[in-house]
Amino acid sequence: MSVEDAVTYLENAVKTANSELDYISRELDKFDIEVLRRNIKVPVIFILDRMAQVKEEYEQLKCEILELEELERTVHQSLMVKAMNVQHRMIALHTKIKPHDQYGLH
């Protein structure tokens, strides 16, 4: 996977995670509003079921976040290696050019 692909994947995964968190938040808000609006006495089994759903979605998001963190580390390491390679090449080129500059050669 190239660095660009990893960054794109990372951005998409963050968008997906944010979208899922927004969805969970909206669903909980709708549930709270509906309960308050109707003054409903919600059966405990229903609440437990909803809590289980939220917990499952939370665990999925947690896994995605861990995956994103690992991708971030990989991308960071890859970029550091590439930056060091560029720096070494620049030093090598500078070393090759420098002796010629002393004699007025370009």
N, C-alpha and C. Protein backbone atom coordinates (compact mmCIF):
# COMPACT_ATOMS: atom_id res chain seq x y z
N MET A 1 0.86 -1.17 0.00
CA MET A 1 0.00 0.00 0.00
C MET A 1 0.90 1.23 0.00
N SER A 2 0.66 2.14 -0.93
CA SER A 2 1.46 3.36 -0.99
C SER A 2 1.05 4.31 0.13
N VAL A 3 1.88 5.30 0.35
CA VAL A 3 1.59 6.29 1.39
C VAL A 3 0.30 7.03 1.05
N GLU A 4 0.14 7.37 -0.23
CA GLU A 4 -1.06 8.09 -0.64
C GLU A 4 -2.32 7.25 -0.39
N ASP A 5 -2.22 5.96 -0.71
CA ASP A 5 -3.36 5.06 -0.47
C ASP A 5 -3.66 4.96 1.01
N ALA A 6 -2.61 4.87 1.81
CA ALA A 6 -2.79 4.76 3.27
C ALA A 6 -3.44 6.03 3.82
N VAL A 7 -2.99 7.18 3.35
CA VAL A 7 -3.57 8.45 3.82
C VAL A 7 -5.04 8.54 3.40
N THR A 8 -5.33 8.16 2.16
CA THR A 8 -6.72 8.18 1.68
C THR A 8 -7.57 7.23 2.51
N TYR A 9 -7.06 6.03 2.77
CA TYR A 9 -7.79 5.07 3.58
C TYR A 9 -8.01 5.62 4.98
N LEU A 10 -6.99 6.24 5.54
CA LEU A 10 -7.08 6.81 6.87
C LEU A 10 -8.14 7.90 6.92
N GLU A 11 -8.14 8.78 5.93
CA GLU A 11 -9.15 9.85 5.88
C GLU A 11 -10.55 9.27 5.77
N ASN A 12 -10.73 8.27 4.91
CA ASN A 12 -12.05 7.65 4.76
C ASN A 12 -12.49 6.95 6.03
N ALA A 13 -11.56 6.29 6.70
CA ALA A 13 -11.90 5.60 7.94
C ALA A 13 -12.31 6.59 9.02
N VAL A 14 -11.63 7.72 9.08
CA VAL A 14 -11.99 8.76 10.06
C VAL A 14 -13.38 9.30 9.75
N LYS A 15 -13.66 9.54 8.47
CA LYS A 15 -15.00 10.02 8.09
C LYS A 15 -16.06 8.99 8.47
N THR A 16 -15.77 7.72 8.22
CA THR A 16 -16.73 6.67 8.56
C THR A 16 -16.96 6.61 10.07
N ALA A 17 -15.88 6.67 10.82
CA ALA A 17 -16.00 6.63 12.29
C ALA A 17 -16.81 7.82 12.79
N ASN A 18 -16.52 9.01 12.26
CA ASN A 18 -17.28 10.19 12.65
C ASN A 18 -18.74 10.05 12.29
N SER A 19 -19.00 9.52 11.12
CA SER A 19 -20.38 9.32 10.68
C SER A 19 -21.12 8.35 11.61
N GLU A 20 -20.45 7.27 11.98
CA GLU A 20 -21.07 6.30 12.87
C GLU A 20 -21.30 6.88 14.26
N LEU A 21 -20.36 7.66 14.75
CA LEU A 21 -20.55 8.31 16.04
C LEU A 21 -21.73 9.29 15.99
N ASP A 22 -21.82 10.03 14.89
CA ASP A 22 -22.96 10.94 14.72
C ASP A 22 -24.27 10.17 14.69
N TYR A 23 -24.27 9.03 14.00
CA TYR A 23 -25.47 8.20 13.93
C TYR A 23 -25.88 7.72 15.33
N ILE A 24 -24.93 7.23 16.08
CA ILE A 24 -25.22 6.75 17.44
C ILE A 24 -25.78 7.89 18.28
N SER A 25 -25.16 9.04 18.18
CA SER A 25 -25.62 10.19 18.95
C SER A 25 -27.03 10.59 18.57
N ARG A 26 -27.32 10.62 17.26
CA ARG A 26 -28.67 10.98 16.80
C ARG A 26 -29.70 9.96 17.28
N GLU A 27 -29.36 8.68 17.20
CA GLU A 27 -30.29 7.64 17.63
C GLU A 27 -30.59 7.75 19.13
N LEU A 28 -29.56 8.00 19.92
CA LEU A 28 -29.77 8.17 21.36
C LEU A 28 -30.61 9.41 21.64
N ASP A 29 -30.34 10.49 20.91
CA ASP A 29 -31.14 11.71 21.08
C ASP A 29 -32.60 11.47 20.71
N LYS A 30 -32.83 10.79 19.59
CA LYS A 30 -34.21 10.49 19.17
C LYS A 30 -34.93 9.65 20.23
N PHE A 31 -34.22 8.68 20.75
CA PHE A 31 -34.80 7.81 21.77
C PHE A 31 -35.17 8.62 23.01
N ASP A 32 -34.23 9.46 23.46
CA ASP A 32 -34.49 10.29 24.65
C ASP A 32 -35.67 11.23 24.42
N ILE A 33 -35.71 11.86 23.27
CA ILE A 33 -36.79 12.80 22.97
C ILE A 33 -38.13 12.07 22.92
N GLU A 34 -38.15 10.91 22.30
CA GLU A 34 -39.39 10.15 22.19
C GLU A 34 -39.89 9.71 23.57
N VAL A 35 -38.99 9.28 24.40
CA VAL A 35 -39.37 8.86 25.75
C VAL A 35 -39.91 10.05 26.53
N LEU A 36 -39.24 11.18 26.45
CA LEU A 36 -39.69 12.37 27.18
C LEU A 36 -41.01 12.90 26.61
N ARG A 37 -41.12 12.90 25.28
CA ARG A 37 -42.31 13.45 24.64
C ARG A 37 -43.56 12.65 25.01
N ARG A 38 -43.41 11.37 25.01
CA ARG A 38 -44.57 10.51 25.27
C ARG A 38 -44.71 10.13 26.74
N ASN A 39 -43.72 10.49 27.51
CA ASN A 39 -43.70 10.09 28.91
C ASN A 39 -43.89 8.57 29.01
N ILE A 40 -43.14 7.89 28.19
CA ILE A 40 -43.25 6.43 28.08
C ILE A 40 -42.47 5.77 29.20
N LYS A 41 -43.04 4.73 29.70
CA LYS A 41 -42.30 3.87 30.62
C LYS A 41 -41.73 2.76 29.75
N VAL A 42 -40.43 2.85 29.54
CA VAL A 42 -39.77 1.93 28.62
C VAL A 42 -39.44 0.62 29.33
N PRO A 43 -39.78 -0.50 28.69
CA PRO A 43 -39.43 -1.78 29.29
C PRO A 43 -37.91 -1.93 29.41
N VAL A 44 -37.50 -2.50 30.50
CA VAL A 44 -36.08 -2.68 30.78
C VAL A 44 -35.42 -3.50 29.68
N ILE A 45 -36.11 -4.50 29.15
CA ILE A 45 -35.51 -5.35 28.12
C ILE A 45 -35.19 -4.54 26.86
N PHE A 46 -36.06 -3.57 26.55
CA PHE A 46 -35.82 -2.71 25.40
C PHE A 46 -34.57 -1.85 25.61
N ILE A 47 -34.47 -1.29 26.79
CA ILE A 47 -33.30 -0.46 27.12
C ILE A 47 -32.03 -1.30 27.06
N LEU A 48 -32.08 -2.49 27.60
CA LEU A 48 -30.90 -3.36 27.57
C LEU A 48 -30.52 -3.73 26.14
N ASP A 49 -31.53 -3.96 25.31
CA ASP A 49 -31.26 -4.27 23.90
C ASP A 49 -30.58 -3.09 23.22
N ARG A 50 -31.11 -1.89 23.44
CA ARG A 50 -30.51 -0.69 22.84
C ARG A 50 -29.09 -0.49 23.36
N MET A 51 -28.89 -0.74 24.62
CA MET A 51 -27.55 -0.59 25.20
C MET A 51 -26.59 -1.60 24.57
N ALA A 52 -27.06 -2.80 24.32
CA ALA A 52 -26.22 -3.82 23.68
C ALA A 52 -25.85 -3.38 22.27
N GLN A 53 -26.81 -2.79 21.55
CA GLN A 53 -26.53 -2.31 20.20
C GLN A 53 -25.48 -1.20 20.22
N VAL A 54 -25.65 -0.26 21.15
CA VAL A 54 -24.70 0.84 21.26
C VAL A 54 -23.32 0.31 21.64
N LYS A 55 -23.29 -0.65 22.56
CA LYS A 55 -22.01 -1.22 22.98
C LYS A 55 -21.33 -1.91 21.79
N GLU A 56 -22.09 -2.63 20.99
CA GLU A 56 -21.53 -3.31 19.83
C GLU A 56 -20.96 -2.30 18.82
N GLU A 57 -21.72 -1.24 18.56
CA GLU A 57 -21.24 -0.22 17.64
C GLU A 57 -20.01 0.49 18.21
N TYR A 58 -20.01 0.70 19.51
CA TYR A 58 -18.85 1.31 20.17
C TYR A 58 -17.61 0.42 20.01
N GLU A 59 -17.78 -0.88 20.20
CA GLU A 59 -16.64 -1.80 20.06
C GLU A 59 -16.12 -1.80 18.63
N GLN A 60 -17.02 -1.72 17.65
CA GLN A 60 -16.59 -1.65 16.26
C GLN A 60 -15.79 -0.38 16.01
N LEU A 61 -16.28 0.72 16.54
CA LEU A 61 -15.56 1.98 16.38
C LEU A 61 -14.20 1.93 17.07
N LYS A 62 -14.16 1.31 18.22
CA LYS A 62 -12.90 1.19 18.94
C LYS A 62 -11.88 0.41 18.11
N CYS A 63 -12.33 -0.66 17.49
CA CYS A 63 -11.44 -1.45 16.61
C CYS A 63 -10.98 -0.61 15.42
N GLU A 64 -11.89 0.16 14.84
CA GLU A 64 -11.51 1.01 13.72
C GLU A 64 -10.50 2.07 14.14
N ILE A 65 -10.68 2.62 15.33
CA ILE A 65 -9.74 3.63 15.83
C ILE A 65 -8.37 3.01 16.04
N LEU A 66 -8.32 1.81 16.60
CA LEU A 66 -7.03 1.13 16.77
C LEU A 66 -6.37 0.87 15.42
N GLU A 67 -7.17 0.49 14.44
CA GLU A 67 -6.65 0.27 13.09
C GLU A 67 -6.12 1.58 12.51
N LEU A 68 -6.85 2.67 12.74
CA LEU A 68 -6.42 3.97 12.26
C LEU A 68 -5.11 4.40 12.92
N GLU A 69 -4.99 4.15 14.21
CA GLU A 69 -3.76 4.50 14.91
C GLU A 69 -2.57 3.72 14.35
N GLU A 70 -2.78 2.45 14.05
CA GLU A 70 -1.72 1.64 13.48
C GLU A 70 -1.34 2.15 12.09
N LEU A 71 -2.35 2.49 11.30
CA LEU A 71 -2.10 3.06 9.98
C LEU A 71 -1.35 4.38 10.09
N GLU A 72 -1.73 5.18 11.04
CA GLU A 72 -1.07 6.46 11.25
C GLU A 72 0.41 6.25 11.57
N ARG A 73 0.70 5.29 12.44
CA ARG A 73 2.10 4.98 12.77
C ARG A 73 2.85 4.51 11.53
N THR A 74 2.22 3.66 10.74
CA THR A 74 2.85 3.14 9.53
C THR A 74 3.14 4.27 8.55
N VAL A 75 2.16 5.13 8.34
CA VAL A 75 2.33 6.26 7.42
C VAL A 75 3.44 7.18 7.93
N HIS A 76 3.42 7.45 9.23
CA HIS A 76 4.43 8.32 9.83
C HIS A 76 5.83 7.74 9.62
N GLN A 77 5.99 6.45 9.90
CA GLN A 77 7.28 5.81 9.74
C GLN A 77 7.72 5.85 8.27
N SER A 78 6.80 5.59 7.37
CA SER A 78 7.11 5.61 5.95
C SER A 78 7.56 7.00 5.51
N LEU A 79 6.85 8.02 5.97
CA LEU A 79 7.21 9.38 5.61
C LEU A 79 8.57 9.77 6.19
N MET A 80 8.86 9.32 7.40
CA MET A 80 10.16 9.61 8.01
C MET A 80 11.28 8.96 7.21
N VAL A 81 11.09 7.72 6.79
CA VAL A 81 12.10 7.03 5.99
C VAL A 81 12.31 7.75 4.66
N LYS A 82 11.21 8.15 4.02
CA LYS A 82 11.32 8.87 2.75
C LYS A 82 12.02 10.21 2.94
N ALA A 83 11.71 10.90 4.02
CA ALA A 83 12.35 12.20 4.29
C ALA A 83 13.85 12.01 4.53
N MET A 84 14.22 10.99 5.26
CA MET A 84 15.65 10.72 5.49
C MET A 84 16.34 10.37 4.18
N ASN A 85 15.69 9.59 3.32
CA ASN A 85 16.27 9.25 2.02
C ASN A 85 16.51 10.50 1.19
N VAL A 86 15.53 11.39 1.18
CA VAL A 86 15.68 12.64 0.43
C VAL A 86 16.83 13.46 1.02
N GLN A 87 16.91 13.52 2.34
CA GLN A 87 17.99 14.27 2.99
C GLN A 87 19.36 13.69 2.62
N HIS A 88 19.49 12.37 2.63
CA HIS A 88 20.75 11.73 2.27
C HIS A 88 21.11 12.01 0.81
N ARG A 89 20.12 11.98 -0.06
CA ARG A 89 20.37 12.28 -1.48
C ARG A 89 20.81 13.72 -1.66
N MET A 90 20.17 14.63 -0.93
CA MET A 90 20.55 16.04 -1.01
C MET A 90 21.98 16.24 -0.53
N ILE A 91 22.37 15.58 0.54
CA ILE A 91 23.73 15.68 1.06
C ILE A 91 24.72 15.12 0.03
N ALA A 92 24.37 13.98 -0.56
CA ALA A 92 25.24 13.38 -1.57
C ALA A 92 25.39 14.31 -2.77
N LEU A 93 24.30 14.90 -3.23
CA LEU A 93 24.38 15.84 -4.35
C LEU A 93 25.19 17.08 -3.99
N HIS A 94 24.97 17.57 -2.80
CA HIS A 94 25.70 18.74 -2.33
C HIS A 94 27.20 18.43 -2.29
N THR A 95 27.56 17.25 -1.83
CA THR A 95 28.96 16.84 -1.76
C THR A 95 29.55 16.75 -3.16
N LYS A 96 28.79 16.25 -4.11
CA LYS A 96 29.27 16.14 -5.49
C LYS A 96 29.44 17.52 -6.12
N ILE A 97 28.56 18.43 -5.81
CA ILE A 97 28.58 19.75 -6.42
C ILE A 97 29.62 20.66 -5.77
N LYS A 98 29.80 20.56 -4.48
CA LYS A 98 30.64 21.47 -3.72
C LYS A 98 32.08 21.56 -4.26
N PRO A 99 32.78 20.44 -4.56
CA PRO A 99 34.16 20.58 -5.06
C PRO A 99 34.21 21.38 -6.35
N HIS A 100 33.19 21.27 -7.20
CA HIS A 100 33.18 22.01 -8.46
C HIS A 100 33.00 23.50 -8.21
N ASP A 101 32.25 23.87 -7.18
CA ASP A 101 32.05 25.28 -6.86
C ASP A 101 33.35 25.94 -6.44
N GLN A 102 34.25 25.21 -5.83
CA GLN A 102 35.52 25.78 -5.37
C GLN A 102 36.38 26.23 -6.56
N TYR A 103 36.20 25.58 -7.70
CA TYR A 103 36.99 25.92 -8.87
C TYR A 103 36.22 26.77 -9.88
N GLY A 104 35.08 27.23 -9.46
CA GLY A 104 34.28 28.07 -10.36
C GLY A 104 33.57 27.29 -11.44
N LEU A 105 33.46 25.98 -11.28
CA LEU A 105 32.76 25.15 -12.25
C LEU A 105 31.33 24.93 -11.78
N HIS A 106 30.44 24.95 -12.71
CA HIS A 106 29.03 24.69 -12.34
C HIS A 106 28.48 23.55 -13.09
